[in-house]
Amino acid sequence: MKIRFLGAAQTVTGSMHLVEGPRAKVLLDCGLFQGPRRETFDRNRNLPFDPRELESVVLSHAHIDHSGVLPMLPANGFGGTIYCTPATRDLCAVMLEDAAMVQEADARFLNKQIERGHLEGEPVEPLYTTSDVVRMLELMVAVPYHRWIEVAHGVRARFLDAGHVLGSAIVELDVRDGATTKRVVFSGDLGRRAMPILRDPEIPERADLLLLESTYGDRLHPPREEMDASLAAIVRRTVERGGKVIVPTFALERAQEIILSLKASQQAGAIPDVPVVVDSPLAIKITEVFRMHPDCYDEDLRRKLVVDGSPFDFDALRYVSSPEESKRVSADPSPMVILAGSGMCESGRVLHHLRACIEHGENTVVIVGFQAPHTLGRRLVEKRTRVRIFGVERDRRAEIAVLNGFSAHAGQDELLGWVHGIRGKKGVERVALVHGEPAPQRTLAKKLAEQGQENVTIPDRGDELVL
């Protein structure tokens, strides 16, 4: 048996790992690569495997960097099954349709620019269309947590709760070779403990090979309670100077967590009674999926549901769908909090709000998640004095606040504690660090070795590991 690392190897995007057993090939995740424009186009357009050879795909969760290439598979000959949790299937139906519509709109815009001679190049086609998403959904089978299923010849799988986003899963994969069975455990994106919506990550019994995410392998997160207090303080001082708070948010999980935080702060009187606007059609659709899956909530949130009703509504909160409403929000000079996508500021309505606010010092941009290299979000984190928005260089005078504690990824101590939990049961034979940049991975590998964990590797893209 061998593993080929095809994505999210020494980087945090494009999760994709091919498990080759004696009788079948199974793909773990099929994520979209996000990076420099030309590399992004080439990497996503050219699949690094033959979909016709796959018996199945096992999907850890719905984030686009883990699921975003799935709609390309049926058009390229894949006729197997895509396995995921029920909440992940519901989220993929919403998120991948949105991704297809964005690609189709971008292609129409670019092709018009090419036709008019404003751009050079060949006509552009989207990676996939909404029809491709429908074909993909027909191949998806939802499987509850903790249920073993046969996903390919000689391969069975089970999902454990990863506590990262709604429906996210740790994948246990048993691969049989005659009388021998090897267990591969794929952490997916591992969540944090004691977060306000989801249950804590579960701990598998054992792993012959552990594919471990390492996004924050070199840093610790502050306690969540500190983040709530920090966000409230940012809102207070911004409102006092008459400004707006712009929060670029990932539509899945991060938007819902920020809503919960702002609701609690307003109820406690920790922030002024100002409007809170969720300006993201995708976040609105995803919040509806959250309402459908209280089975994924932790016990504390389920108790609050009985007392307070929906956790994603309060008097000051307004959801905005139409472009006209979004434009009115952007033009309104009154203090308010605006949550808008995309989370890395590369597309979506947040760009319009940033264009209107970035040059004015009374406003604040709050970064609440990991920002990949070469994105506008990363340049804001670096607090550059000039940034490019819609192709125009602008002076950045708005305050930039970075709150990494809202991250849905486990910090270094939580990663180490989770591996220690598996080692305290039946052990971990070998670890391969994925979904992380090289510096955090080297730090985490060193920390694992200090804990006594042997056989830790950091594969690069295209590497193979044989069990």
Protein backbone atom coordinates (compact mmCIF):
# COMPACT_ATOMS: atom_id res chain seq x y z
CA MET A 1 0.00 0.00 0.00
CA LYS A 2 1.18 3.49 -0.72
CA ILE A 3 0.08 7.11 -0.34
CA ARG A 4 0.72 9.75 -3.00
CA PHE A 5 0.60 13.34 -1.76
CA LEU A 6 -1.01 15.37 -4.55
CA GLY A 7 -2.01 18.55 -2.71
CA ALA A 8 -1.77 20.37 0.63
CA ALA A 9 1.82 19.11 0.86
CA GLN A 10 4.06 21.84 2.33
CA THR A 11 1.19 24.25 1.69
CA VAL A 12 -2.27 24.81 3.18
CA THR A 13 -4.43 24.49 0.10
CA GLY A 14 -5.61 21.93 -2.45
CA SER A 15 -5.97 18.96 -0.08
CA MET A 16 -5.62 15.73 -2.10
CA HIS A 17 -4.04 12.38 -1.12
CA LEU A 18 -4.28 9.16 -3.14
CA VAL A 19 -4.36 5.87 -1.23
CA GLU A 20 -3.38 2.92 -3.44
CA GLY A 21 -4.25 -0.46 -1.96
CA PRO A 22 -3.65 -3.88 -3.51
CA ARG A 23 -7.06 -3.87 -5.22
CA ALA A 24 -8.33 -0.28 -5.34
CA LYS A 25 -7.49 3.42 -5.37
CA VAL A 26 -9.23 5.80 -2.98
CA LEU A 27 -8.82 9.58 -2.97
CA LEU A 28 -8.84 11.47 0.32
CA ASP A 29 -10.25 14.95 -0.43
CA CYS A 30 -10.27 16.67 -3.81
CA GLY A 31 -9.58 20.30 -2.99
CA LEU A 32 -9.13 23.46 -5.01
CA PHE A 33 -5.64 24.95 -5.03
CA GLN A 34 -5.62 28.66 -4.18
CA GLY A 35 -2.51 30.73 -4.88
CA PRO A 36 -0.88 32.88 -7.60
CA ARG A 37 -3.32 33.22 -10.50
CA ARG A 38 -1.37 31.35 -13.20
CA GLU A 39 -0.34 28.49 -10.89
CA THR A 40 -3.92 28.27 -9.60
CA PHE A 41 -5.28 27.93 -13.13
CA ASP A 42 -2.74 25.29 -14.17
CA ARG A 43 -2.95 23.21 -10.99
CA ASN A 44 -6.73 23.04 -10.89
CA ARG A 45 -7.22 22.51 -14.61
CA ASN A 46 -4.80 19.54 -14.81
CA LEU A 47 -5.78 16.75 -12.42
CA PRO A 48 -2.73 14.87 -11.05
CA PHE A 49 -4.51 11.49 -11.27
CA ASP A 50 -6.82 9.60 -13.63
CA PRO A 51 -10.38 9.84 -12.24
CA ARG A 52 -11.35 6.68 -14.16
CA GLU A 53 -9.02 4.65 -11.94
CA LEU A 54 -10.64 5.76 -8.68
CA GLU A 55 -13.13 3.50 -6.96
CA SER A 56 -14.18 6.19 -4.49
CA VAL A 57 -13.46 9.55 -2.90
CA VAL A 58 -13.64 10.05 0.86
CA LEU A 59 -14.23 13.70 1.75
CA SER A 60 -13.25 15.11 5.15
CA HIS A 61 -15.33 18.32 4.98
CA ALA A 62 -16.90 20.94 2.72
CA HIS A 63 -14.29 23.72 2.66
CA ILE A 64 -13.40 24.52 -0.95
CA ASP A 65 -9.70 23.73 -0.47
CA HIS A 66 -10.84 20.18 0.36
CA SER A 67 -13.88 19.74 -1.92
CA GLY A 68 -13.58 22.34 -4.67
CA VAL A 69 -12.41 20.11 -7.55
CA LEU A 70 -14.99 17.35 -7.01
CA PRO A 71 -17.37 18.62 -9.74
CA MET A 72 -14.63 18.06 -12.34
CA LEU A 73 -14.53 14.32 -11.67
CA PRO A 74 -17.69 13.07 -13.46
CA ALA A 75 -16.78 14.97 -16.64
CA ASN A 76 -13.37 13.26 -16.56
CA GLY A 77 -14.66 9.71 -16.31
CA PHE A 78 -15.18 9.16 -12.58
CA GLY A 79 -18.18 6.94 -11.91
CA GLY A 80 -17.52 5.85 -8.34
CA THR A 81 -18.92 7.09 -5.05
CA ILE A 82 -18.07 10.18 -2.98
CA TYR A 83 -18.48 9.48 0.74
CA CYS A 84 -18.97 12.22 3.34
CA THR A 85 -21.09 13.07 6.38
CA PRO A 86 -24.71 14.26 5.95
CA ALA A 87 -23.91 17.88 6.89
CA THR A 88 -20.94 17.92 4.50
CA ARG A 89 -23.16 16.80 1.62
CA ASP A 90 -25.70 19.54 2.37
CA LEU A 91 -22.92 22.15 2.58
CA CYS A 92 -21.29 20.97 -0.67
CA ALA A 93 -24.60 21.36 -2.49
CA VAL A 94 -24.62 25.04 -1.52
CA MET A 95 -20.90 25.87 -1.65
CA LEU A 96 -19.97 24.11 -4.87
CA GLU A 97 -22.97 25.51 -6.72
CA ASP A 98 -21.83 28.96 -5.57
CA ALA A 99 -18.26 28.21 -6.72
CA ALA A 100 -19.55 27.16 -10.15
CA MET A 101 -21.66 30.31 -10.53
CA VAL A 102 -18.68 32.49 -9.58
CA GLN A 103 -16.48 30.72 -12.15
CA GLU A 104 -19.11 31.05 -14.86
CA ALA A 105 -19.55 34.77 -14.10
CA ASP A 106 -15.78 35.35 -14.07
CA ALA A 107 -15.41 33.54 -17.40
CA ARG A 108 -18.15 35.68 -19.00
CA PHE A 109 -16.50 38.87 -17.73
CA LEU A 110 -13.00 37.90 -18.88
CA ASN A 111 -14.22 36.75 -22.27
CA LYS A 112 -15.94 40.11 -22.81
CA GLN A 113 -12.69 41.87 -21.92
CA ILE A 114 -10.81 39.67 -24.41
CA GLU A 115 -13.40 40.29 -27.15
CA ARG A 116 -13.11 44.05 -26.63
CA GLY A 117 -9.31 43.91 -26.75
CA HIS A 118 -8.85 44.97 -23.13
CA LEU A 119 -7.13 41.69 -22.28
CA GLU A 120 -4.89 39.34 -24.25
CA GLY A 121 -5.29 35.58 -24.31
CA GLU A 122 -7.54 32.70 -25.34
CA PRO A 123 -11.23 32.49 -24.31
CA VAL A 124 -11.67 31.33 -20.71
CA GLU A 125 -13.79 28.38 -19.60
CA PRO A 126 -14.84 27.72 -15.99
CA LEU A 127 -13.38 24.67 -14.29
CA TYR A 128 -16.93 23.38 -13.99
CA THR A 129 -20.54 24.48 -14.27
CA THR A 130 -23.63 24.15 -12.10
CA SER A 131 -24.60 21.12 -14.23
CA ASP A 132 -21.33 19.46 -13.25
CA VAL A 133 -22.16 20.10 -9.58
CA VAL A 134 -25.51 18.35 -10.02
CA ARG A 135 -23.79 15.32 -11.60
CA MET A 136 -21.33 15.24 -8.69
CA LEU A 137 -24.12 15.39 -6.08
CA GLU A 138 -25.69 12.30 -7.65
CA LEU A 139 -22.51 10.40 -6.74
CA MET A 140 -22.42 11.59 -3.11
CA VAL A 141 -23.41 9.20 -0.31
CA ALA A 142 -23.87 10.58 3.20
CA VAL A 143 -22.62 8.39 6.04
CA PRO A 144 -23.13 9.20 9.75
CA TYR A 145 -20.23 9.41 12.19
CA HIS A 146 -18.92 6.12 13.71
CA ARG A 147 -20.32 3.76 11.04
CA TRP A 148 -17.85 1.51 9.22
CA ILE A 149 -18.55 1.18 5.48
CA GLU A 150 -16.82 -0.59 2.59
CA VAL A 151 -15.67 2.23 0.27
CA ALA A 152 -13.63 0.12 -2.18
CA HIS A 153 -12.37 -3.43 -2.69
CA GLY A 154 -10.39 -4.25 0.45
CA VAL A 155 -10.90 -0.77 1.94
CA ARG A 156 -13.31 0.28 4.68
CA ALA A 157 -13.75 3.72 6.23
CA ARG A 158 -15.27 5.40 9.26
CA PHE A 159 -15.84 9.06 10.13
CA LEU A 160 -15.09 10.55 13.54
CA ASP A 161 -16.02 14.11 14.52
CA ALA A 162 -13.15 16.52 13.74
CA GLY A 163 -14.76 19.53 15.45
CA HIS A 164 -13.49 21.87 12.71
CA VAL A 165 -16.62 22.94 10.80
CA LEU A 166 -20.15 21.59 10.56
CA GLY A 167 -19.94 17.95 9.43
CA SER A 168 -16.13 17.84 9.41
CA ALA A 169 -14.58 14.41 9.85
CA ILE A 170 -11.45 12.57 10.82
CA VAL A 171 -11.18 9.65 8.39
CA GLU A 172 -10.13 6.18 9.54
CA LEU A 173 -9.24 4.01 6.56
CA ASP A 174 -8.51 0.27 6.92
CA VAL A 175 -6.71 -1.19 3.89
CA ARG A 176 -6.52 -5.00 3.68
CA ASP A 177 -3.73 -6.92 1.99
CA GLY A 178 -4.34 -10.63 2.51
CA ALA A 179 -4.25 -11.27 6.25
CA THR A 180 -2.74 -7.85 6.97
CA THR A 181 -4.70 -4.65 7.60
CA LYS A 182 -3.10 -1.23 7.74
CA ARG A 183 -4.94 1.73 9.23
CA VAL A 184 -4.50 5.19 7.77
CA VAL A 185 -5.93 8.03 9.85
CA PHE A 186 -6.46 11.35 8.09
CA SER A 187 -7.05 14.21 10.49
CA GLY A 188 -8.62 16.41 7.81
CA ASP A 189 -8.64 19.88 9.33
CA LEU A 190 -8.60 19.31 13.07
CA GLY A 191 -10.74 21.59 15.19
CA ARG A 192 -10.20 23.10 18.61
CA ARG A 193 -11.55 22.09 21.98
CA ALA A 194 -14.27 23.99 23.84
CA MET A 195 -15.48 25.98 20.83
CA PRO A 196 -18.99 27.45 20.96
CA ILE A 197 -20.83 25.47 18.25
CA LEU A 198 -19.29 22.05 17.66
CA ARG A 199 -18.21 19.09 19.72
CA ASP A 200 -14.53 18.54 20.56
CA PRO A 201 -12.43 16.47 18.12
CA GLU A 202 -12.62 12.75 18.77
CA ILE A 203 -9.50 10.63 19.28
CA PRO A 204 -8.96 7.51 17.13
CA GLU A 205 -7.72 4.28 18.67
CA ARG A 206 -4.58 3.81 16.59
CA ALA A 207 -2.82 4.66 13.33
CA ASP A 208 -0.23 2.83 11.26
CA LEU A 209 0.03 6.10 9.34
CA LEU A 210 -1.35 9.41 10.58
CA LEU A 211 -1.81 12.19 8.03
CA LEU A 212 -1.81 15.19 10.36
CA GLU A 213 -2.71 18.76 9.44
CA SER A 214 -0.15 21.33 10.63
CA THR A 215 -1.58 24.76 9.75
CA TYR A 216 -0.69 26.21 13.16
CA GLY A 217 2.11 23.83 14.07
CA ASP A 218 4.27 26.69 15.34
CA ARG A 219 1.84 28.78 17.40
CA LEU A 220 -0.62 28.70 20.25
CA HIS A 221 -4.10 30.23 20.13
CA PRO A 222 -5.29 32.50 22.91
CA PRO A 223 -8.39 31.30 24.78
CA ARG A 224 -11.63 31.85 22.92
CA GLU A 225 -12.97 34.05 25.73
CA GLU A 226 -10.12 36.50 25.09
CA MET A 227 -11.13 36.69 21.44
CA ASP A 228 -14.70 37.61 22.33
CA ALA A 229 -13.40 40.37 24.60
CA SER A 230 -10.91 41.57 21.97
CA LEU A 231 -13.59 41.73 19.25
CA ALA A 232 -15.89 43.65 21.58
CA ALA A 233 -13.11 46.15 22.37
CA ILE A 234 -12.46 46.67 18.63
CA VAL A 235 -16.14 47.32 17.98
CA ARG A 236 -16.35 49.80 20.88
CA ARG A 237 -13.35 51.92 19.86
CA THR A 238 -14.32 51.90 16.17
CA VAL A 239 -17.88 53.01 16.90
CA GLU A 240 -16.57 55.71 19.27
CA ARG A 241 -14.61 57.27 16.41
CA GLY A 242 -17.59 56.95 14.04
CA GLY A 243 -16.24 54.13 11.89
CA LYS A 244 -17.26 50.79 10.47
CA VAL A 245 -15.90 47.37 11.42
CA ILE A 246 -15.32 45.19 8.32
CA VAL A 247 -14.86 41.48 9.02
CA PRO A 248 -13.83 39.42 5.97
CA THR A 249 -15.40 36.09 6.84
CA PHE A 250 -15.36 32.58 5.51
CA ALA A 251 -19.02 31.73 4.91
CA LEU A 252 -18.68 28.32 6.57
CA GLU A 253 -18.24 28.30 10.36
CA ARG A 254 -16.34 31.57 10.81
CA ALA A 255 -19.35 33.72 9.96
CA GLN A 256 -21.54 31.74 12.34
CA GLU A 257 -18.97 31.95 15.16
CA ILE A 258 -18.60 35.72 14.78
CA ILE A 259 -22.40 36.07 14.84
CA LEU A 260 -22.51 34.11 18.11
CA SER A 261 -19.74 36.26 19.60
CA LEU A 262 -21.41 39.55 18.64
CA LYS A 263 -24.79 38.32 19.91
CA ALA A 264 -23.30 37.42 23.30
CA SER A 265 -21.47 40.76 23.51
CA GLN A 266 -24.58 42.78 22.70
CA GLN A 267 -26.67 40.82 25.18
CA ALA A 268 -24.04 41.46 27.86
CA GLY A 269 -23.81 45.18 27.02
CA ALA A 270 -20.15 44.79 26.02
CA ILE A 271 -20.67 46.51 22.65
CA PRO A 272 -22.92 49.39 21.56
CA ASP A 273 -26.30 48.65 20.01
CA VAL A 274 -25.19 49.16 16.40
CA PRO A 275 -26.34 47.28 13.29
CA VAL A 276 -24.61 43.99 12.48
CA VAL A 277 -24.91 43.14 8.76
CA VAL A 278 -24.15 39.76 7.21
CA ASP A 279 -23.60 40.70 3.56
CA SER A 280 -23.04 37.28 2.03
CA PRO A 281 -25.68 35.26 0.15
CA LEU A 282 -23.52 32.17 0.62
CA ALA A 283 -23.21 32.69 4.38
CA ILE A 284 -26.99 33.06 4.58
CA LYS A 285 -27.51 29.74 2.75
CA ILE A 286 -24.90 28.04 4.93
CA THR A 287 -26.51 29.38 8.10
CA GLU A 288 -29.72 27.70 6.95
CA VAL A 289 -27.79 24.41 6.69
CA PHE A 290 -26.59 24.99 10.26
CA ARG A 291 -30.22 25.28 11.35
CA MET A 292 -30.86 21.85 9.76
CA HIS A 293 -28.10 20.10 11.70
CA PRO A 294 -28.43 20.60 15.46
CA ASP A 295 -27.18 16.99 15.63
CA CYS A 296 -23.69 18.44 15.08
CA TYR A 297 -23.90 21.00 17.91
CA ASP A 298 -22.24 20.55 21.27
CA GLU A 299 -24.37 20.03 24.37
CA ASP A 300 -24.05 23.63 25.57
CA LEU A 301 -25.40 25.11 22.34
CA ARG A 302 -28.27 22.63 22.24
CA ARG A 303 -29.29 23.77 25.75
CA LYS A 304 -29.16 27.42 24.62
CA LEU A 305 -31.45 26.58 21.70
CA VAL A 306 -34.18 25.65 24.16
CA VAL A 307 -33.85 28.97 26.02
CA ASP A 308 -32.91 31.51 23.32
CA GLY A 309 -34.16 29.97 20.08
CA SER A 310 -31.91 30.26 17.01
CA PRO A 311 -28.32 31.13 17.96
CA PHE A 312 -27.92 32.92 14.63
CA ASP A 313 -30.50 35.68 15.14
CA PHE A 314 -30.74 38.79 17.34
CA ASP A 315 -32.42 42.18 17.10
CA ALA A 316 -29.47 44.14 15.70
CA LEU A 317 -28.59 41.47 13.12
CA ARG A 318 -29.61 41.82 9.47
CA TYR A 319 -28.93 39.42 6.61
CA VAL A 320 -28.41 41.05 3.21
CA SER A 321 -28.89 39.15 -0.05
CA SER A 322 -29.49 41.48 -2.98
CA PRO A 323 -26.75 43.55 -4.66
CA GLU A 324 -28.89 46.67 -4.18
CA GLU A 325 -29.05 46.16 -0.41
CA SER A 326 -25.30 45.53 -0.34
CA LYS A 327 -24.64 48.80 -2.16
CA ARG A 328 -26.82 50.72 0.32
CA VAL A 329 -24.89 49.20 3.23
CA SER A 330 -21.59 50.17 1.62
CA ALA A 331 -22.76 53.74 1.02
CA ASP A 332 -24.22 54.20 4.52
CA PRO A 333 -21.73 56.28 6.58
CA SER A 334 -23.17 55.18 9.94
CA PRO A 335 -21.16 53.01 12.35
CA MET A 336 -21.91 49.31 11.93
CA VAL A 337 -20.31 45.87 11.81
CA ILE A 338 -20.22 44.22 8.38
CA LEU A 339 -19.45 40.52 7.83
CA ALA A 340 -18.78 39.77 4.17
CA GLY A 341 -16.93 37.21 2.06
CA SER A 342 -14.52 36.16 0.90
CA GLY A 343 -12.43 35.33 3.94
CA MET A 344 -9.10 36.01 2.21
CA CYS A 345 -10.40 39.17 0.48
CA GLU A 346 -9.79 37.77 -2.99
CA SER A 347 -13.37 38.06 -4.26
CA GLY A 348 -16.91 38.73 -3.18
CA ARG A 349 -18.71 41.65 -1.60
CA VAL A 350 -16.05 42.35 1.01
CA LEU A 351 -13.98 43.98 -1.74
CA HIS A 352 -16.63 46.65 -2.24
CA HIS A 353 -16.71 47.41 1.49
CA LEU A 354 -12.91 47.52 1.64
CA ARG A 355 -12.78 49.87 -1.34
CA ALA A 356 -15.17 52.23 0.48
CA CYS A 357 -13.48 52.02 3.90
CA ILE A 358 -9.77 51.20 3.56
CA GLU A 359 -8.56 54.80 3.06
CA HIS A 360 -10.33 56.18 6.15
CA GLY A 361 -8.65 55.92 9.55
CA GLU A 362 -11.85 55.73 11.60
CA ASN A 363 -12.60 52.24 10.17
CA THR A 364 -11.24 48.86 11.23
CA VAL A 365 -10.66 45.66 9.26
CA VAL A 366 -10.69 42.58 11.51
CA ILE A 367 -8.90 39.48 10.19
CA VAL A 368 -10.28 36.35 11.86
CA GLY A 369 -8.71 33.49 9.87
CA PHE A 370 -5.63 32.17 8.13
CA GLN A 371 -4.59 34.23 5.09
CA ALA A 372 -2.72 32.39 2.34
CA PRO A 373 0.34 33.92 0.67
CA HIS A 374 -0.27 36.24 -2.29
CA THR A 375 -3.80 37.17 -1.12
CA LEU A 376 -5.12 40.63 -0.25
CA GLY A 377 -5.90 39.26 3.19
CA ARG A 378 -2.24 38.36 3.76
CA ARG A 379 -1.18 41.86 2.67
CA LEU A 380 -3.61 43.35 5.18
CA VAL A 381 -2.21 41.09 7.92
CA GLU A 382 1.24 42.40 7.00
CA LYS A 383 -0.24 45.92 7.45
CA ARG A 384 1.07 47.21 4.17
CA THR A 385 0.53 50.93 3.69
CA ARG A 386 -0.75 50.49 0.14
CA VAL A 387 -2.98 47.70 -1.18
CA ARG A 388 -4.55 46.94 -4.55
CA ILE A 389 -8.35 46.63 -4.67
CA PHE A 390 -10.13 46.16 -8.01
CA GLY A 391 -6.84 46.86 -9.77
CA VAL A 392 -6.30 50.25 -8.09
CA GLU A 393 -3.54 51.00 -5.56
CA ARG A 394 -5.00 52.59 -2.43
CA ASP A 395 -3.56 54.04 0.77
CA ARG A 396 -4.39 51.80 3.70
CA ARG A 397 -5.34 54.10 6.59
CA ALA A 398 -7.92 51.86 8.29
CA GLU A 399 -6.83 50.05 11.44
CA ILE A 400 -6.00 46.37 10.94
CA ALA A 401 -6.73 43.98 13.80
CA VAL A 402 -5.78 40.29 13.64
CA LEU A 403 -7.65 37.82 15.88
CA ASN A 404 -6.22 34.36 15.20
CA GLY A 405 -8.01 32.94 18.22
CA PHE A 406 -11.19 32.60 16.16
CA SER A 407 -9.43 30.05 13.97
CA ALA A 408 -11.19 26.70 13.55
CA HIS A 409 -7.79 24.98 13.24
CA ALA A 410 -6.13 23.39 16.26
CA GLY A 411 -3.09 25.22 17.61
CA GLN A 412 0.24 23.55 18.33
CA ASP A 413 -0.69 22.44 21.84
CA GLU A 414 -4.01 21.02 20.62
CA LEU A 415 -2.33 19.11 17.78
CA LEU A 416 0.24 17.66 20.16
CA GLY A 417 -2.43 16.78 22.69
CA TRP A 418 -4.52 15.01 20.06
CA VAL A 419 -1.59 12.89 18.85
CA HIS A 420 -0.68 12.16 22.47
CA GLY A 421 -4.25 10.90 22.98
CA ILE A 422 -3.89 8.37 20.14
CA ARG A 423 -0.47 7.29 21.43
CA GLY A 424 -2.06 6.75 24.85
CA LYS A 425 -4.43 4.19 23.31
CA LYS A 426 -2.86 1.81 20.78
CA GLY A 427 -0.27 4.15 19.34
CA VAL A 428 0.89 5.88 16.17
CA GLU A 429 3.44 4.09 14.01
CA ARG A 430 4.22 6.89 11.58
CA VAL A 431 3.21 10.53 11.01
CA ALA A 432 3.14 12.52 7.76
CA LEU A 433 2.55 16.26 8.21
CA VAL A 434 0.23 17.79 5.60
CA HIS A 435 -1.79 21.00 5.19
CA GLY A 436 0.86 23.35 6.53
CA GLU A 437 3.65 25.65 5.40
CA PRO A 438 7.24 24.37 5.83
CA ALA A 439 8.24 26.47 8.87
CA PRO A 440 5.26 25.44 11.06
CA GLN A 441 5.70 21.85 9.91
CA ARG A 442 9.36 21.75 10.94
CA THR A 443 8.48 23.18 14.35
CA LEU A 444 5.67 20.66 14.87
CA ALA A 445 7.88 17.76 13.73
CA LYS A 446 10.47 18.77 16.33
CA LYS A 447 7.82 19.00 19.06
CA LEU A 448 6.44 15.57 18.15
CA ALA A 449 9.94 14.08 18.33
CA GLU A 450 10.40 15.64 21.78
CA GLN A 451 7.19 13.87 22.84
CA GLY A 452 8.74 10.57 21.75
CA GLN A 453 6.92 10.21 18.43
CA GLU A 454 9.18 8.48 15.92
CA ASN A 455 8.98 8.38 12.11
CA VAL A 456 7.69 11.90 11.41
CA THR A 457 7.98 12.99 7.76
CA ILE A 458 7.07 16.13 5.82
CA PRO A 459 6.15 15.03 2.28
CA ASP A 460 6.32 17.38 -0.66
CA ARG A 461 3.85 17.42 -3.53
CA GLY A 462 4.24 14.29 -5.66
CA ASP A 463 6.03 12.28 -2.95
CA GLU A 464 5.03 8.68 -2.26
CA LEU A 465 5.07 6.89 1.06
CA VAL A 466 4.93 3.09 1.16
CA LEU A 467 3.52 1.08 4.06
